[in-house]
Amino acid sequence: MIVRWETDHDYVLVHVHQDMFGDWIFSRAWGQIGTQFGGLKHRLADDHAQAMMWLADESTILTSRGFRKVLEVEAESAEGRDAVSQLSLLDSL
């Protein structure tokens, strides 16, 4: 699952996925649109339910801060693969 929220200047992208060991990873990227300012953080969830709870919490917080959801796709979709490739670029910074 990949979800992206934006304001006029900022973005947050969350990717919930399993790694090669079957562990659930909650990856969160954030920054200013059109710049390289931002960051990337990965968290290991106990299970899928916990990762989805973190996603729901993130959505509530961001909505209260004026962010709007602009993307929600499965990682295996074409849009999802494109979003993951952008996330991978951040990981190398």
N, C-alpha and C. Protein backbone atom coordinates (compact mmCIF):
# COMPACT_ATOMS: atom_id res chain seq x y z
N MET A 1 0.84 -1.17 0.00
CA MET A 1 0.00 0.00 0.00
C MET A 1 0.89 1.24 0.00
N ILE A 2 0.57 2.19 -0.88
CA ILE A 2 1.29 3.45 -0.95
C ILE A 2 0.27 4.57 -0.88
N VAL A 3 0.50 5.52 0.02
CA VAL A 3 -0.39 6.66 0.17
C VAL A 3 0.46 7.92 0.20
N ARG A 4 -0.01 8.94 -0.54
CA ARG A 4 0.70 10.23 -0.59
C ARG A 4 -0.28 11.34 -0.25
N TRP A 5 0.18 12.25 0.62
CA TRP A 5 -0.58 13.45 0.97
C TRP A 5 0.26 14.65 0.58
N GLU A 6 -0.43 15.78 0.27
CA GLU A 6 0.28 17.00 -0.10
C GLU A 6 -0.44 18.23 0.44
N THR A 7 0.35 19.28 0.63
CA THR A 7 -0.17 20.64 0.76
C THR A 7 0.37 21.37 -0.47
N ASP A 8 0.26 22.67 -0.50
CA ASP A 8 0.81 23.41 -1.64
C ASP A 8 2.33 23.31 -1.71
N HIS A 9 2.97 23.04 -0.56
CA HIS A 9 4.44 23.07 -0.53
C HIS A 9 5.09 21.77 -0.06
N ASP A 10 4.37 20.95 0.68
CA ASP A 10 4.96 19.78 1.31
C ASP A 10 4.26 18.49 0.90
N TYR A 11 4.97 17.37 1.10
CA TYR A 11 4.38 16.05 0.83
C TYR A 11 4.80 15.07 1.91
N VAL A 12 4.00 14.03 2.06
CA VAL A 12 4.33 12.87 2.88
C VAL A 12 3.90 11.65 2.09
N LEU A 13 4.79 10.67 1.98
CA LEU A 13 4.49 9.43 1.27
C LEU A 13 4.75 8.27 2.21
N VAL A 14 3.78 7.39 2.35
CA VAL A 14 3.90 6.21 3.21
C VAL A 14 3.81 4.95 2.35
N HIS A 15 4.71 4.02 2.61
CA HIS A 15 4.72 2.74 1.91
C HIS A 15 4.69 1.63 2.96
N VAL A 16 3.64 0.84 2.96
CA VAL A 16 3.52 -0.31 3.87
C VAL A 16 3.77 -1.55 3.04
N HIS A 17 4.79 -2.33 3.42
CA HIS A 17 5.17 -3.50 2.62
C HIS A 17 5.88 -4.54 3.48
N GLN A 18 6.00 -5.73 2.93
CA GLN A 18 6.76 -6.79 3.59
C GLN A 18 8.15 -6.87 2.99
N ASP A 19 9.13 -7.11 3.84
CA ASP A 19 10.49 -7.31 3.34
C ASP A 19 10.69 -8.78 2.99
N MET A 20 11.90 -9.14 2.61
CA MET A 20 12.16 -10.51 2.16
C MET A 20 12.08 -11.56 3.28
N PHE A 21 12.02 -11.10 4.52
CA PHE A 21 11.88 -12.01 5.65
C PHE A 21 10.43 -12.15 6.12
N GLY A 22 9.53 -11.41 5.46
CA GLY A 22 8.13 -11.44 5.82
C GLY A 22 7.74 -10.44 6.88
N ASP A 23 8.69 -9.60 7.31
CA ASP A 23 8.39 -8.56 8.30
C ASP A 23 7.67 -7.39 7.63
N TRP A 24 6.78 -6.74 8.37
CA TRP A 24 6.04 -5.59 7.85
C TRP A 24 6.81 -4.31 8.15
N ILE A 25 7.04 -3.54 7.09
CA ILE A 25 7.81 -2.30 7.17
C ILE A 25 6.89 -1.12 6.86
N PHE A 26 6.99 -0.07 7.67
CA PHE A 26 6.26 1.18 7.48
C PHE A 26 7.31 2.23 7.11
N SER A 27 7.35 2.60 5.84
CA SER A 27 8.32 3.60 5.37
C SER A 27 7.60 4.92 5.17
N ARG A 28 8.20 5.99 5.68
CA ARG A 28 7.59 7.33 5.59
C ARG A 28 8.63 8.29 5.03
N ALA A 29 8.30 8.91 3.90
CA ALA A 29 9.14 9.93 3.29
C ALA A 29 8.40 11.26 3.36
N TRP A 30 9.13 12.34 3.58
CA TRP A 30 8.51 13.64 3.66
C TRP A 30 9.46 14.69 3.11
N GLY A 31 8.90 15.83 2.73
CA GLY A 31 9.75 16.90 2.25
C GLY A 31 8.96 18.02 1.61
N GLN A 32 9.72 18.93 0.99
CA GLN A 32 9.13 20.05 0.27
C GLN A 32 9.06 19.69 -1.20
N ILE A 33 7.92 19.94 -1.80
CA ILE A 33 7.71 19.62 -3.21
C ILE A 33 8.68 20.44 -4.06
N GLY A 34 9.34 19.77 -4.99
CA GLY A 34 10.24 20.43 -5.92
C GLY A 34 11.64 20.69 -5.39
N THR A 35 11.94 20.21 -4.19
CA THR A 35 13.28 20.38 -3.62
C THR A 35 13.79 19.03 -3.14
N GLN A 36 15.02 19.01 -2.66
CA GLN A 36 15.58 17.79 -2.09
C GLN A 36 15.52 17.79 -0.57
N PHE A 37 14.83 18.79 0.01
CA PHE A 37 14.68 18.84 1.45
C PHE A 37 13.66 17.81 1.91
N GLY A 38 14.01 17.04 2.91
CA GLY A 38 13.10 16.04 3.42
C GLY A 38 13.84 14.90 4.07
N GLY A 39 13.14 13.82 4.26
CA GLY A 39 13.77 12.67 4.91
C GLY A 39 13.01 11.39 4.64
N LEU A 40 13.57 10.32 5.15
CA LEU A 40 13.00 8.99 4.98
C LEU A 40 13.26 8.19 6.24
N LYS A 41 12.22 7.54 6.73
CA LYS A 41 12.37 6.73 7.94
C LYS A 41 11.61 5.42 7.75
N HIS A 42 12.20 4.32 8.20
CA HIS A 42 11.58 3.01 8.14
C HIS A 42 11.32 2.52 9.57
N ARG A 43 10.15 1.92 9.78
CA ARG A 43 9.81 1.34 11.09
C ARG A 43 9.37 -0.10 10.88
N LEU A 44 9.80 -0.96 11.77
CA LEU A 44 9.42 -2.37 11.74
C LEU A 44 8.16 -2.56 12.59
N ALA A 45 7.08 -3.00 11.96
CA ALA A 45 5.82 -3.25 12.67
C ALA A 45 5.79 -4.68 13.18
N ASP A 46 5.03 -4.89 14.24
CA ASP A 46 4.87 -6.25 14.78
C ASP A 46 4.11 -7.14 13.80
N ASP A 47 3.16 -6.55 13.09
CA ASP A 47 2.34 -7.28 12.12
C ASP A 47 1.65 -6.29 11.18
N HIS A 48 0.91 -6.81 10.22
CA HIS A 48 0.22 -5.97 9.24
C HIS A 48 -0.78 -5.03 9.92
N ALA A 49 -1.47 -5.53 10.93
CA ALA A 49 -2.46 -4.71 11.63
C ALA A 49 -1.82 -3.48 12.27
N GLN A 50 -0.65 -3.64 12.86
CA GLN A 50 0.02 -2.49 13.46
C GLN A 50 0.45 -1.48 12.40
N ALA A 51 0.97 -1.96 11.28
CA ALA A 51 1.37 -1.06 10.20
C ALA A 51 0.16 -0.28 9.67
N MET A 52 -0.99 -0.95 9.56
CA MET A 52 -2.19 -0.26 9.08
C MET A 52 -2.72 0.72 10.13
N MET A 53 -2.53 0.42 11.40
CA MET A 53 -2.91 1.35 12.46
C MET A 53 -2.04 2.61 12.37
N TRP A 54 -0.74 2.44 12.13
CA TRP A 54 0.15 3.58 11.96
C TRP A 54 -0.28 4.42 10.75
N LEU A 55 -0.71 3.74 9.67
CA LEU A 55 -1.18 4.45 8.48
C LEU A 55 -2.43 5.26 8.79
N ALA A 56 -3.36 4.69 9.53
CA ALA A 56 -4.59 5.41 9.93
C ALA A 56 -4.24 6.61 10.81
N ASP A 57 -3.30 6.43 11.74
CA ASP A 57 -2.88 7.53 12.59
C ASP A 57 -2.24 8.65 11.76
N GLU A 58 -1.40 8.26 10.82
CA GLU A 58 -0.74 9.23 9.94
C GLU A 58 -1.77 10.04 9.15
N SER A 59 -2.77 9.35 8.64
CA SER A 59 -3.83 10.01 7.87
C SER A 59 -4.57 11.03 8.73
N THR A 60 -4.91 10.65 9.95
CA THR A 60 -5.62 11.56 10.85
C THR A 60 -4.78 12.80 11.16
N ILE A 61 -3.52 12.60 11.47
CA ILE A 61 -2.63 13.73 11.79
C ILE A 61 -2.46 14.65 10.60
N LEU A 62 -2.18 14.08 9.43
CA LEU A 62 -1.93 14.91 8.26
C LEU A 62 -3.19 15.66 7.82
N THR A 63 -4.33 15.01 7.88
CA THR A 63 -5.58 15.68 7.53
C THR A 63 -5.82 16.87 8.46
N SER A 64 -5.55 16.69 9.74
CA SER A 64 -5.74 17.79 10.70
C SER A 64 -4.77 18.94 10.45
N ARG A 65 -3.67 18.66 9.75
CA ARG A 65 -2.67 19.70 9.44
C ARG A 65 -2.86 20.29 8.05
N GLY A 66 -3.96 19.95 7.40
CA GLY A 66 -4.27 20.56 6.11
C GLY A 66 -3.74 19.83 4.89
N PHE A 67 -3.20 18.63 5.08
CA PHE A 67 -2.76 17.83 3.93
C PHE A 67 -3.97 17.17 3.29
N ARG A 68 -3.90 16.94 1.99
CA ARG A 68 -4.96 16.22 1.28
C ARG A 68 -4.35 14.98 0.62
N LYS A 69 -5.10 13.88 0.66
CA LYS A 69 -4.64 12.63 0.05
C LYS A 69 -4.71 12.78 -1.46
N VAL A 70 -3.59 12.52 -2.15
CA VAL A 70 -3.55 12.63 -3.60
C VAL A 70 -3.28 11.29 -4.28
N LEU A 71 -2.90 10.27 -3.52
CA LEU A 71 -2.60 8.97 -4.10
C LEU A 71 -2.82 7.88 -3.06
N GLU A 72 -3.49 6.82 -3.47
CA GLU A 72 -3.60 5.61 -2.64
C GLU A 72 -3.68 4.44 -3.59
N VAL A 73 -2.60 3.67 -3.67
CA VAL A 73 -2.52 2.55 -4.62
C VAL A 73 -1.81 1.37 -3.97
N GLU A 74 -1.97 0.23 -4.58
CA GLU A 74 -1.20 -0.94 -4.19
C GLU A 74 0.20 -0.82 -4.80
N ALA A 75 1.20 -1.27 -4.10
CA ALA A 75 2.59 -1.14 -4.56
C ALA A 75 2.84 -1.87 -5.87
N GLU A 76 2.05 -2.90 -6.17
CA GLU A 76 2.26 -3.68 -7.38
C GLU A 76 1.70 -3.01 -8.63
N SER A 77 0.91 -1.95 -8.49
CA SER A 77 0.34 -1.25 -9.65
C SER A 77 1.42 -0.40 -10.32
N ALA A 78 1.14 0.07 -11.54
CA ALA A 78 2.10 0.91 -12.26
C ALA A 78 2.40 2.19 -11.47
N GLU A 79 1.36 2.83 -10.94
CA GLU A 79 1.56 4.04 -10.13
C GLU A 79 2.35 3.71 -8.87
N GLY A 80 2.07 2.57 -8.28
CA GLY A 80 2.77 2.15 -7.08
C GLY A 80 4.25 1.91 -7.33
N ARG A 81 4.57 1.24 -8.43
CA ARG A 81 5.97 1.00 -8.77
C ARG A 81 6.71 2.32 -9.00
N ASP A 82 6.04 3.29 -9.64
CA ASP A 82 6.65 4.60 -9.87
C ASP A 82 6.92 5.30 -8.53
N ALA A 83 5.96 5.24 -7.62
CA ALA A 83 6.13 5.87 -6.30
C ALA A 83 7.26 5.20 -5.53
N VAL A 84 7.37 3.88 -5.61
CA VAL A 84 8.43 3.16 -4.91
C VAL A 84 9.79 3.53 -5.49
N SER A 85 9.87 3.71 -6.80
CA SER A 85 11.16 4.08 -7.40
C SER A 85 11.60 5.46 -6.92
N GLN A 86 10.65 6.38 -6.73
CA GLN A 86 10.99 7.71 -6.19
C GLN A 86 11.43 7.57 -4.74
N LEU A 87 10.80 6.70 -3.99
CA LEU A 87 11.16 6.46 -2.60
C LEU A 87 12.57 5.89 -2.52
N SER A 88 12.93 5.01 -3.45
CA SER A 88 14.27 4.43 -3.47
C SER A 88 15.34 5.48 -3.72
N LEU A 89 15.03 6.50 -4.52
CA LEU A 89 15.98 7.57 -4.76
C LEU A 89 16.27 8.33 -3.48
N LEU A 90 15.26 8.53 -2.64
CA LEU A 90 15.46 9.22 -1.37
C LEU A 90 16.35 8.41 -0.44
N ASP A 91 16.23 7.10 -0.50
CA ASP A 91 16.99 6.21 0.39
C ASP A 91 18.50 6.34 0.14
N SER A 92 18.90 6.75 -1.06
CA SER A 92 20.31 6.83 -1.39
C SER A 92 20.94 8.17 -1.02
N LEU A 93 20.12 9.14 -0.59
CA LEU A 93 20.67 10.46 -0.23
C LEU A 93 21.35 10.45 1.12
